[in-house]
Structures are given as structure tokens and as C-alpha cells.
PDB file of N, CA and C in Angstrom:
ATOM      1  N   UNK A   1     -41.547 -30.842  95.310  1.00  0.00           N
ATOM      2  CA  UNK A   1     -42.703 -29.463  95.298  1.00  0.00           C
ATOM      3  C   UNK A   1     -43.054 -29.553  93.984  1.00  0.00           C
ATOM      4  N   UNK A   2     -44.205 -29.453  93.839  1.00  0.00           N
ATOM      5  CA  UNK A   2     -45.250 -28.834  92.617  1.00  0.00           C
ATOM      6  C   UNK A   2     -45.512 -27.009  93.249  1.00  0.00           C
ATOM      7  N   UNK A   3     -45.301 -26.910  94.682  1.00  0.00           N
ATOM      8  CA  UNK A   3     -45.812 -25.681  95.016  1.00  0.00           C
ATOM      9  C   UNK A   3     -44.015 -24.146  94.826  1.00  0.00           C
ATOM     10  N   UNK A   4     -43.004 -24.780  94.573  1.00  0.00           N
ATOM     11  CA  UNK A   4     -41.906 -24.381  94.468  1.00  0.00           C
ATOM     12  C   UNK A   4     -41.382 -23.484  93.538  1.00  0.00           C
ATOM     13  N   UNK A   5     -42.343 -23.574  91.987  1.00  0.00           N
ATOM     14  CA  UNK A   5     -42.103 -23.332  91.360  1.00  0.00           C
ATOM     15  C   UNK A   5     -43.515 -22.165  90.422  1.00  0.00           C
ATOM     16  N   UNK A   6     -44.474 -21.911  92.034  1.00  0.00           N
ATOM     17  CA  UNK A   6     -45.292 -21.044  91.608  1.00  0.00           C
ATOM     18  C   UNK A   6     -44.522 -19.170  92.107  1.00  0.00           C
ATOM     19  N   UNK A   7     -45.394 -18.418  91.716  1.00  0.00           N
ATOM     20  CA  UNK A   7     -44.796 -17.092  91.636  1.00  0.00           C
ATOM     21  C   UNK A   7     -45.600 -15.459  92.083  1.00  0.00           C
ATOM     22  N   UNK A   8     -45.617 -15.360  93.084  1.00  0.00           N
ATOM     23  CA  UNK A   8     -46.390 -14.175  93.546  1.00  0.00           C
ATOM     24  C   UNK A   8     -46.160 -13.194  92.504  1.00  0.00           C
ATOM     25  N   UNK A   9     -47.787 -12.150  92.564  1.00  0.00           N
ATOM     26  CA  UNK A   9     -47.920 -11.447  91.378  1.00  0.00           C
ATOM     27  C   UNK A   9     -48.692 -10.251  92.900  1.00  0.00           C
ATOM     28  N   UNK A  10     -48.259  -8.792  92.458  1.00  0.00           N
ATOM     29  CA  UNK A  10     -48.940  -8.130  93.282  1.00  0.00           C
ATOM     30  C   UNK A  10     -49.618  -7.037  92.050  1.00  0.00           C
ATOM     31  N   UNK A  11     -50.938  -7.246  92.052  1.00  0.00           N
ATOM     32  CA  UNK A  11     -52.249  -6.484  91.236  1.00  0.00           C
ATOM     33  C   UNK A  11     -52.941  -5.246  91.780  1.00  0.00           C
ATOM     34  N   UNK A  12     -53.308  -3.911  91.188  1.00  0.00           N
ATOM     35  CA  UNK A  12     -54.011  -3.603  91.546  1.00  0.00           C
ATOM     36  C   UNK A  12     -55.323  -3.540  90.918  1.00  0.00           C
ATOM     37  N   UNK A  13     -56.624  -3.099  91.025  1.00  0.00           N
ATOM     38  CA  UNK A  13     -57.500  -2.975  90.817  1.00  0.00           C
ATOM     39  C   UNK A  13     -58.037  -1.684  91.790  1.00  0.00           C
ATOM     40  N   UNK A  14     -59.181  -0.688  91.344  1.00  0.00           N
ATOM     41  CA  UNK A  14     -59.577   0.025  91.670  1.00  0.00           C
ATOM     42  C   UNK A  14     -59.036   0.877  92.971  1.00  0.00           C
ATOM     43  N   UNK A  15     -57.364   0.730  92.973  1.00  0.00           N
ATOM     44  CA  UNK A  15     -57.213   1.524  94.483  1.00  0.00           C
ATOM     45  C   UNK A  15     -57.063  -0.392  95.305  1.00  0.00           C
ATOM     46  N   UNK A  16     -57.334  -0.933  95.563  1.00  0.00           N
ATOM     47  CA  UNK A  16     -56.683  -1.944  96.103  1.00  0.00           C
ATOM     48  C   UNK A  16     -56.211  -3.411  95.591  1.00  0.00           C
ATOM     49  N   UNK A  17     -55.151  -3.456  96.498  1.00  0.00           N
ATOM     50  CA  UNK A  17     -54.074  -4.534  96.116  1.00  0.00           C
ATOM     51  C   UNK A  17     -54.185  -5.864  96.167  1.00  0.00           C
ATOM     52  N   UNK A  18     -53.548  -6.395  95.740  1.00  0.00           N
ATOM     53  CA  UNK A  18     -54.643  -7.870  95.744  1.00  0.00           C
ATOM     54  C   UNK A  18     -53.483  -8.700  95.145  1.00  0.00           C
ATOM     55  N   UNK A  19     -53.120 -10.188  95.995  1.00  0.00           N
ATOM     56  CA  UNK A  19     -51.794 -10.384  95.821  1.00  0.00           C
ATOM     57  C   UNK A  19     -51.981 -12.106  95.682  1.00  0.00           C
ATOM     58  N   UNK A  20     -51.286 -12.272  94.703  1.00  0.00           N
ATOM     59  CA  UNK A  20     -51.927 -13.627  93.396  1.00  0.00           C
ATOM     60  C   UNK A  20     -50.988 -14.677  93.973  1.00  0.00           C
ATOM     61  N   UNK A  21     -50.436 -15.203  93.683  1.00  0.00           N
ATOM     62  CA  UNK A  21     -50.080 -17.218  93.199  1.00  0.00           C
ATOM     63  C   UNK A  21     -50.025 -17.667  91.718  1.00  0.00           C
ATOM     64  N   UNK A  22     -49.308 -17.580  91.020  1.00  0.00           N
ATOM     65  CA  UNK A  22     -49.799 -18.048  89.539  1.00  0.00           C
ATOM     66  C   UNK A  22     -49.198 -19.505  89.215  1.00  0.00           C
ATOM     67  N   UNK A  23     -48.631 -20.297  88.428  1.00  0.00           N
ATOM     68  CA  UNK A  23     -47.457 -20.732  87.944  1.00  0.00           C
ATOM     69  C   UNK A  23     -46.561 -20.482  87.070  1.00  0.00           C
ATOM     70  N   UNK A  24     -46.622 -19.181  86.011  1.00  0.00           N
ATOM     71  CA  UNK A  24     -45.664 -18.770  85.594  1.00  0.00           C
ATOM     72  C   UNK A  24     -45.344 -17.776  85.910  1.00  0.00           C
ATOM     73  N   UNK A  25     -44.012 -16.903  84.287  1.00  0.00           N
ATOM     74  CA  UNK A  25     -44.156 -15.662  83.752  1.00  0.00           C
ATOM     75  C   UNK A  25     -45.059 -15.294  83.674  1.00  0.00           C
ATOM     76  N   UNK A  26     -45.473 -16.848  82.736  1.00  0.00           N
ATOM     77  CA  UNK A  26     -46.612 -16.145  81.982  1.00  0.00           C
ATOM     78  C   UNK A  26     -47.971 -16.018  82.127  1.00  0.00           C
ATOM     79  N   UNK A  27     -48.083 -16.744  83.033  1.00  0.00           N
ATOM     80  CA  UNK A  27     -49.620 -17.024  83.667  1.00  0.00           C
ATOM     81  C   UNK A  27     -49.171 -15.659  84.025  1.00  0.00           C
ATOM     82  N   UNK A  28     -48.960 -14.819  84.684  1.00  0.00           N
ATOM     83  CA  UNK A  28     -48.411 -13.001  85.948  1.00  0.00           C
ATOM     84  C   UNK A  28     -48.650 -12.560  84.879  1.00  0.00           C
ATOM     85  N   UNK A  29     -47.691 -12.798  83.848  1.00  0.00           N
ATOM     86  CA  UNK A  29     -47.505 -10.724  82.357  1.00  0.00           C
ATOM     87  C   UNK A  29     -49.605 -11.267  82.151  1.00  0.00           C
ATOM     88  N   UNK A  30     -49.841 -12.113  82.203  1.00  0.00           N
ATOM     89  CA  UNK A  30     -51.837 -12.426  81.947  1.00  0.00           C
ATOM     90  C   UNK A  30     -52.362 -11.766  82.944  1.00  0.00           C
ATOM     91  N   UNK A  31     -52.716 -12.347  84.156  1.00  0.00           N
ATOM     92  CA  UNK A  31     -52.699 -11.822  85.042  1.00  0.00           C
ATOM     93  C   UNK A  31     -52.557  -9.997  85.786  1.00  0.00           C
ATOM     94  N   UNK A  32     -51.252  -9.961  85.317  1.00  0.00           N
ATOM     95  CA  UNK A  32     -51.033  -8.550  85.324  1.00  0.00           C
ATOM     96  C   UNK A  32     -51.832  -7.441  84.526  1.00  0.00           C
ATOM     97  N   UNK A  33     -52.055  -8.514  82.590  1.00  0.00           N
ATOM     98  CA  UNK A  33     -53.362  -7.648  81.793  1.00  0.00           C
ATOM     99  C   UNK A  33     -54.473  -7.575  82.149  1.00  0.00           C
ATOM    100  N   UNK A  34     -55.259  -8.156  82.471  1.00  0.00           N
ATOM    101  CA  UNK A  34     -56.674  -8.757  83.152  1.00  0.00           C
ATOM    102  C   UNK A  34     -56.505  -8.136  84.362  1.00  0.00           C
ATOM    103  N   UNK A  35     -55.731  -7.777  84.994  1.00  0.00           N
ATOM    104  CA  UNK A  35     -55.792  -6.690  85.726  1.00  0.00           C
ATOM    105  C   UNK A  35     -56.292  -6.116  85.646  1.00  0.00           C
ATOM    106  N   UNK A  36     -55.485  -5.059  85.093  1.00  0.00           N
ATOM    107  CA  UNK A  36     -55.258  -3.299  83.992  1.00  0.00           C
ATOM    108  C   UNK A  36     -56.246  -3.138  83.427  1.00  0.00           C
ATOM    109  N   UNK A  37     -57.302  -4.247  83.016  1.00  0.00           N
ATOM    110  CA  UNK A  37     -58.445  -4.556  81.507  1.00  0.00           C
ATOM    111  C   UNK A  37     -59.648  -4.360  82.935  1.00  0.00           C
ATOM    112  N   UNK A  38     -59.780  -5.221  83.756  1.00  0.00           N
ATOM    113  CA  UNK A  38     -60.479  -4.614  84.951  1.00  0.00           C
ATOM    114  C   UNK A  38     -60.910  -3.023  86.069  1.00  0.00           C
ATOM    115  N   UNK A  39     -59.917  -2.896  85.762  1.00  0.00           N
ATOM    116  CA  UNK A  39     -59.305  -1.762  86.479  1.00  0.00           C
ATOM    117  C   UNK A  39     -59.837  -0.335  85.769  1.00  0.00           C
ATOM    118  N   UNK A  40     -59.743  -0.572  84.126  1.00  0.00           N
ATOM    119  CA  UNK A  40     -60.326   0.365  83.039  1.00  0.00           C
ATOM    120  C   UNK A  40     -61.404  -0.087  83.506  1.00  0.00           C
ATOM    121  N   UNK A  41     -62.148  -1.123  83.293  1.00  0.00           N
ATOM    122  CA  UNK A  41     -63.085  -1.168  83.303  1.00  0.00           C
ATOM    123  C   UNK A  41     -64.495  -0.512  84.474  1.00  0.00           C
ATOM    124  N   UNK A  42     -64.104  -0.750  85.714  1.00  0.00           N
ATOM    125  CA  UNK A  42     -64.412  -0.403  86.644  1.00  0.00           C
ATOM    126  C   UNK A  42     -64.377   1.274  86.880  1.00  0.00           C
ATOM    127  N   UNK A  43     -62.762   1.659  86.322  1.00  0.00           N
ATOM    128  CA  UNK A  43     -63.230   3.650  86.835  1.00  0.00           C
ATOM    129  C   UNK A  43     -64.289   3.681  85.564  1.00  0.00           C
ATOM    130  N   UNK A  44     -64.018   3.486  84.404  1.00  0.00           N
ATOM    131  CA  UNK A  44     -65.112   3.780  83.292  1.00  0.00           C
ATOM    132  C   UNK A  44     -66.444   3.757  83.492  1.00  0.00           C
ATOM    133  N   UNK A  45     -67.062   2.805  84.332  1.00  0.00           N
ATOM    134  CA  UNK A  45     -68.048   2.163  85.315  1.00  0.00           C
ATOM    135  C   UNK A  45     -68.022   3.628  85.790  1.00  0.00           C
ATOM    136  N   UNK A  46     -66.616   4.147  87.218  1.00  0.00           N
ATOM    137  CA  UNK A  46     -67.693   4.873  88.182  1.00  0.00           C
ATOM    138  C   UNK A  46     -67.868   6.477  87.652  1.00  0.00           C
ATOM    139  N   UNK A  47     -66.766   6.472  86.780  1.00  0.00           N
ATOM    140  CA  UNK A  47     -67.255   8.013  85.454  1.00  0.00           C
ATOM    141  C   UNK A  47     -68.736   8.136  85.237  1.00  0.00           C
ATOM    142  N   UNK A  48     -69.426   7.239  84.258  1.00  0.00           N
ATOM    143  CA  UNK A  48     -70.558   7.378  84.149  1.00  0.00           C
ATOM    144  C   UNK A  48     -72.461   7.392  85.057  1.00  0.00           C
ATOM    145  N   UNK A  49     -71.496   7.023  86.667  1.00  0.00           N
ATOM    146  CA  UNK A  49     -72.191   7.113  86.937  1.00  0.00           C
ATOM    147  C   UNK A  49     -72.132   7.744  88.395  1.00  0.00           C
ATOM    148  N   UNK A  50     -72.456   7.901  89.276  1.00  0.00           N
ATOM    149  CA  UNK A  50     -72.732   8.197  90.558  1.00  0.00           C
ATOM    150  C   UNK A  50     -72.361   7.772  91.972  1.00  0.00           C
ATOM    151  N   UNK A  51     -72.790   6.274  91.332  1.00  0.00           N
ATOM    152  CA  UNK A  51     -72.738   5.272  92.719  1.00  0.00           C
ATOM    153  C   UNK A  51     -70.929   5.107  93.474  1.00  0.00           C
ATOM    154  N   UNK A  52     -71.206   5.255  94.490  1.00  0.00           N
ATOM    155  CA  UNK A  52     -69.331   4.638  94.850  1.00  0.00           C
ATOM    156  C   UNK A  52     -69.355   3.546  95.570  1.00  0.00           C
ATOM    157  N   UNK A  53     -70.474   2.691  95.251  1.00  0.00           N
ATOM    158  CA  UNK A  53     -70.425   1.971  96.605  1.00  0.00           C
ATOM    159  C   UNK A  53     -68.924   0.247  95.165  1.00  0.00           C
ATOM    160  N   UNK A  54     -67.955   0.346  95.639  1.00  0.00           N
ATOM    161  CA  UNK A  54     -67.279  -0.189  95.131  1.00  0.00           C
ATOM    162  C   UNK A  54     -68.033  -1.666  94.573  1.00  0.00           C
ATOM    163  N   UNK A  55     -68.748  -2.505  95.159  1.00  0.00           N
ATOM    164  CA  UNK A  55     -69.612  -3.956  95.101  1.00  0.00           C
ATOM    165  C   UNK A  55     -70.447  -3.347  94.221  1.00  0.00           C
ATOM    166  N   UNK A  56     -70.816  -2.389  94.426  1.00  0.00           N
ATOM    167  CA  UNK A  56     -71.625  -2.842  92.701  1.00  0.00           C
ATOM    168  C   UNK A  56     -71.188  -2.344  91.433  1.00  0.00           C
ATOM    169  N   UNK A  57     -69.850  -1.405  92.280  1.00  0.00           N
ATOM    170  CA  UNK A  57     -69.120  -0.746  90.158  1.00  0.00           C
ATOM    171  C   UNK A  57     -68.230  -2.306  89.647  1.00  0.00           C
ATOM    172  N   UNK A  58     -68.717  -3.437  90.661  1.00  0.00           N
ATOM    173  CA  UNK A  58     -67.047  -4.253  90.492  1.00  0.00           C
ATOM    174  C   UNK A  58     -68.263  -5.000  89.574  1.00  0.00           C
ATOM    175  N   UNK A  59     -70.068  -5.054  90.251  1.00  0.00           N
ATOM    176  CA  UNK A  59     -70.607  -5.910  89.924  1.00  0.00           C
ATOM    177  C   UNK A  59     -70.965  -5.638  87.700  1.00  0.00           C
ATOM    178  N   UNK A  60     -71.247  -3.779  88.061  1.00  0.00           N
ATOM    179  CA  UNK A  60     -71.812  -3.848  86.506  1.00  0.00           C
ATOM    180  C   UNK A  60     -70.351  -3.317  85.970  1.00  0.00           C
ATOM    181  N   UNK A  61     -69.769  -3.052  86.287  1.00  0.00           N
ATOM    182  CA  UNK A  61     -68.310  -4.119  85.279  1.00  0.00           C
ATOM    183  C   UNK A  61     -67.884  -5.508  84.762  1.00  0.00           C
ATOM    184  N   UNK A  62     -67.952  -5.984  85.372  1.00  0.00           N
ATOM    185  CA  UNK A  62     -68.613  -7.526  85.572  1.00  0.00           C
ATOM    186  C   UNK A  62     -69.873  -7.801  84.475  1.00  0.00           C
ATOM    187  N   UNK A  63     -70.308  -6.755  84.347  1.00  0.00           N
ATOM    188  CA  UNK A  63     -71.790  -6.932  82.868  1.00  0.00           C
ATOM    189  C   UNK A  63     -71.064  -6.533  82.187  1.00  0.00           C
ATOM    190  N   UNK A  64     -70.675  -5.768  82.191  1.00  0.00           N
ATOM    191  CA  UNK A  64     -69.785  -4.983  80.473  1.00  0.00           C
ATOM    192  C   UNK A  64     -69.308  -5.964  80.155  1.00  0.00           C
ATOM    193  N   UNK A  65     -67.537  -6.809  80.792  1.00  0.00           N
ATOM    194  CA  UNK A  65     -66.978  -7.952  80.671  1.00  0.00           C
ATOM    195  C   UNK A  65     -67.848  -8.424  80.023  1.00  0.00           C
ATOM    196  N   UNK A  66     -68.502  -9.160  80.602  1.00  0.00           N
ATOM    197  CA  UNK A  66     -69.532 -10.774  80.593  1.00  0.00           C
ATOM    198  C   UNK A  66     -70.141 -10.191  79.087  1.00  0.00           C
ATOM    199  N   UNK A  67     -71.004  -8.871  79.016  1.00  0.00           N
ATOM    200  CA  UNK A  67     -71.889  -8.907  77.027  1.00  0.00           C
ATOM    201  C   UNK A  67     -70.279  -8.220  76.232  1.00  0.00           C
ATOM    202  N   UNK A  68     -69.305  -7.646  76.362  1.00  0.00           N
ATOM    203  CA  UNK A  68     -68.530  -8.387  75.755  1.00  0.00           C
ATOM    204  C   UNK A  68     -67.537  -9.585  75.457  1.00  0.00           C
ATOM    205  N   UNK A  69     -67.600 -10.685  76.408  1.00  0.00           N
ATOM    206  CA  UNK A  69     -67.530 -11.222  75.475  1.00  0.00           C
ATOM    207  C   UNK A  69     -67.943 -12.364  74.944  1.00  0.00           C
ATOM    208  N   UNK A  70     -69.731 -12.487  74.969  1.00  0.00           N
ATOM    209  CA  UNK A  70     -70.614 -13.207  74.168  1.00  0.00           C
ATOM    210  C   UNK A  70     -70.581 -12.768  73.092  1.00  0.00           C
ATOM    211  N   UNK A  71     -70.447 -10.811  73.132  1.00  0.00           N
ATOM    212  CA  UNK A  71     -70.358 -10.869  71.644  1.00  0.00           C
ATOM    213  C   UNK A  71     -69.348 -10.934  70.750  1.00  0.00           C
ATOM    214  N   UNK A  72     -68.286 -11.420  71.906  1.00  0.00           N
ATOM    215  CA  UNK A  72     -66.874 -12.027  71.269  1.00  0.00           C
ATOM    216  C   UNK A  72     -67.642 -13.247  70.856  1.00  0.00           C
ATOM    217  N   UNK A  73     -67.807 -14.989  71.438  1.00  0.00           N
ATOM    218  CA  UNK A  73     -67.970 -15.889  71.274  1.00  0.00           C
ATOM    219  C   UNK A  73     -69.123 -15.782  70.256  1.00  0.00           C
ATOM    220  N   UNK A  74     -70.279 -14.607  69.853  1.00  0.00           N
ATOM    221  CA  UNK A  74     -70.944 -15.012  68.722  1.00  0.00           C
ATOM    222  C   UNK A  74     -69.602 -14.571  67.401  1.00  0.00           C
ATOM    223  N   UNK A  75     -69.229 -13.541  67.463  1.00  0.00           N
ATOM    224  CA  UNK A  75     -68.468 -13.139  66.444  1.00  0.00           C
ATOM    225  C   UNK A  75     -67.363 -14.543  65.552  1.00  0.00           C
ATOM    226  N   UNK A  76     -67.091 -14.517  66.684  1.00  0.00           N
ATOM    227  CA  UNK A  76     -66.107 -15.849  66.713  1.00  0.00           C
ATOM    228  C   UNK A  76     -66.658 -17.038  66.362  1.00  0.00           C
ATOM    229  N   UNK A  77     -68.158 -17.402  66.223  1.00  0.00           N
ATOM    230  CA  UNK A  77     -69.148 -19.015  66.538  1.00  0.00           C
ATOM    231  C   UNK A  77     -69.538 -18.045  64.627  1.00  0.00           C
ATOM    232  N   UNK A  78     -69.502 -17.309  64.384  1.00  0.00           N
ATOM    233  CA  UNK A  78     -70.167 -16.797  63.016  1.00  0.00           C
ATOM    234  C   UNK A  78     -68.365 -17.011  62.052  1.00  0.00           C
ATOM    235  N   UNK A  79     -67.121 -16.728  62.635  1.00  0.00           N
ATOM    236  CA  UNK A  79     -65.984 -17.137  61.707  1.00  0.00           C
ATOM    237  C   UNK A  79     -65.546 -18.420  61.479  1.00  0.00           C
ATOM    238  N   UNK A  80     -66.396 -19.173  62.981  1.00  0.00           N
ATOM    239  CA  UNK A  80     -66.001 -20.356  62.510  1.00  0.00           C
ATOM    240  C   UNK A  80     -67.491 -21.185  61.437  1.00  0.00           C
ATOM    241  N   UNK A  81     -68.574 -20.890  61.682  1.00  0.00           N
ATOM    242  CA  UNK A  81     -69.099 -20.677  60.412  1.00  0.00           C
ATOM    243  C   UNK A  81     -69.354 -20.526  59.301  1.00  0.00           C
ATOM    244  N   UNK A  82     -68.902 -19.049  58.894  1.00  0.00           N
ATOM    245  CA  UNK A  82     -67.458 -18.374  57.585  1.00  0.00           C
ATOM    246  C   UNK A  82     -67.231 -19.781  57.390  1.00  0.00           C
ATOM    247  N   UNK A  83     -65.376 -20.039  58.005  1.00  0.00           N
ATOM    248  CA  UNK A  83     -65.090 -20.852  57.963  1.00  0.00           C
ATOM    249  C   UNK A  83     -64.887 -22.274  57.229  1.00  0.00           C
ATOM    250  N   UNK A  84     -66.506 -22.799  58.454  1.00  0.00           N
ATOM    251  CA  UNK A  84     -67.002 -24.185  58.059  1.00  0.00           C
ATOM    252  C   UNK A  84     -67.233 -24.781  56.529  1.00  0.00           C
ATOM    253  N   UNK A  85     -67.994 -23.258  56.240  1.00  0.00           N
ATOM    254  CA  UNK A  85     -68.748 -23.295  54.602  1.00  0.00           C
ATOM    255  C   UNK A  85     -67.335 -22.870  53.794  1.00  0.00           C
ATOM    256  N   UNK A  86     -66.459 -21.553  53.819  1.00  0.00           N
ATOM    257  CA  UNK A  86     -64.919 -21.900  52.415  1.00  0.00           C
ATOM    258  C   UNK A  86     -64.980 -23.414  52.749  1.00  0.00           C
ATOM    259  N   UNK A  87     -64.173 -23.886  54.142  1.00  0.00           N
ATOM    260  CA  UNK A  87     -63.431 -25.098  53.529  1.00  0.00           C
ATOM    261  C   UNK A  87     -64.637 -26.132  53.005  1.00  0.00           C
ATOM    262  N   UNK A  88     -66.223 -26.476  53.408  1.00  0.00           N
ATOM    263  CA  UNK A  88     -66.919 -27.154  52.198  1.00  0.00           C
ATOM    264  C   UNK A  88     -66.745 -26.669  50.190  1.00  0.00           C
ATOM    265  N   UNK A  89     -67.299 -25.050  50.461  1.00  0.00           N
ATOM    266  CA  UNK A  89     -66.828 -24.941  48.731  1.00  0.00           C
ATOM    267  C   UNK A  89     -65.825 -24.734  48.083  1.00  0.00           C
ATOM    268  N   UNK A  90     -64.072 -25.311  48.976  1.00  0.00           N
ATOM    269  CA  UNK A  90     -63.704 -24.989  48.415  1.00  0.00           C
ATOM    270  C   UNK A  90     -63.145 -26.618  48.308  1.00  0.00           C
ATOM    271  N   UNK A  91     -63.735 -27.751  49.032  1.00  0.00           N
ATOM    272  CA  UNK A  91     -63.077 -28.972  49.031  1.00  0.00           C
ATOM    273  C   UNK A  91     -64.297 -29.546  47.645  1.00  0.00           C
ATOM    274  N   UNK A  92     -65.650 -28.755  47.635  1.00  0.00           N
ATOM    275  CA  UNK A  92     -66.069 -28.865  46.276  1.00  0.00           C
ATOM    276  C   UNK A  92     -65.591 -28.707  44.619  1.00  0.00           C
ATOM    277  N   UNK A  93     -64.776 -27.603  45.023  1.00  0.00           N
ATOM    278  CA  UNK A  93     -63.972 -27.089  43.807  1.00  0.00           C
ATOM    279  C   UNK A  93     -62.817 -27.997  43.690  1.00  0.00           C
ATOM    280  N   UNK A  94     -62.727 -28.770  44.386  1.00  0.00           N
ATOM    281  CA  UNK A  94     -61.165 -29.106  44.295  1.00  0.00           C
ATOM    282  C   UNK A  94     -61.983 -30.463  43.809  1.00  0.00           C
ATOM    283  N   UNK A  95     -62.757 -30.722  44.306  1.00  0.00           N
ATOM    284  CA  UNK A  95     -63.843 -32.065  43.807  1.00  0.00           C
ATOM    285  C   UNK A  95     -63.758 -32.132  42.020  1.00  0.00           C
ATOM    286  N   UNK A  96     -64.465 -31.151  41.750  1.00  0.00           N
ATOM    287  CA  UNK A  96     -65.228 -30.370  40.431  1.00  0.00           C
ATOM    288  C   UNK A  96     -63.331 -30.545  39.556  1.00  0.00           C
ATOM    289  N   UNK A  97     -62.578 -29.863  39.797  1.00  0.00           N
ATOM    290  CA  UNK A  97     -61.540 -29.683  39.061  1.00  0.00           C
ATOM    291  C   UNK A  97     -60.639 -31.306  39.504  1.00  0.00           C
ATOM    292  N   UNK A  98     -61.201 -31.910  40.417  1.00  0.00           N
ATOM    293  CA  UNK A  98     -60.329 -33.505  39.783  1.00  0.00           C
ATOM    294  C   UNK A  98     -61.048 -33.667  39.149  1.00  0.00           C
ATOM    295  N   UNK A  99     -62.025 -34.155  39.037  1.00  0.00           N
ATOM    296  CA  UNK A  99     -63.328 -34.278  37.755  1.00  0.00           C
ATOM    297  C   UNK A  99     -62.689 -34.313  36.677  1.00  0.00           C
ATOM    298  N   UNK A 100     -62.260 -33.093  36.210  1.00  0.00           N
ATOM    299  CA  UNK A 100     -62.069 -32.507  34.987  1.00  0.00           C
ATOM    300  C   UNK A 100     -61.469 -32.363  34.315  1.00  0.00           C
ATOM    301  N   UNK A 101     -60.291 -32.272  35.537  1.00  0.00           N
ATOM    302  CA  UNK A 101     -58.982 -32.809  34.719  1.00  0.00           C
ATOM    303  C   UNK A 101     -59.136 -34.309  34.165  1.00  0.00           C
ATOM    304  N   UNK A 102     -59.416 -35.297  35.244  1.00  0.00           N
ATOM    305  CA  UNK A 102     -60.320 -37.293  34.738  1.00  0.00           C
ATOM    306  C   UNK A 102     -60.261 -37.506  33.547  1.00  0.00           C
ATOM    307  N   UNK A 103     -61.214 -35.677  33.026  1.00  0.00           N
ATOM    308  CA  UNK A 103     -61.612 -36.343  31.711  1.00  0.00           C
ATOM    309  C   UNK A 103     -61.489 -36.163  31.129  1.00  0.00           C
TER     310      UNK A 103
END
């Protein structure tokens, strides 16, 4: 039975309790961490706005999280490009060294 190894996880986000089923203890811990992060973001938005509608707070928190994700993706792409450039330079230096040692 594939469903027998599922684990129940209880998380709380902005004073609302959610029960989720995950595949492993590692997934459960990741879900707990994600829920804590979302809760922190919603509370930060709530502290900086007069809006008390939880749906609007959730959407604003989601926008903040999406903005963070896009910034991290851009940084990641910049790092990958830098690594590719370094790899090309390293290959060129190795080729030049090999050529010099062969002569």
C-alpha cells in the first residue's frame, strides 16, 4: 500500500490550523519550515497594514514571497553564468598550459 507510509502534519498559519499529509519525515519538516515562513510573512504584512482581511494579507504575503523568489532566481542565473565563464576560462588556461608544456 503506497498510502500507508504517509505522515500527518499539523501546521498553523496566521492562527489557522491546517492538516496535511506528506510522504516522509523530511517532507514533514520541510512543510513545517515553509508554513512557519509563510506565517512570518503574513504577520509582517499584517503589522504594516491596516487591512485585516486574511485573504488580502495572504495575497500580499504571496506577492512578497514571489518577489523574493524572482530575486533569488535572478541571482542564481547570474551565478550560473559566472560559473560557466569561469569554467571556460579554466579550460582555456588548461589548454594554454598543455600547449606550453608540450613545446
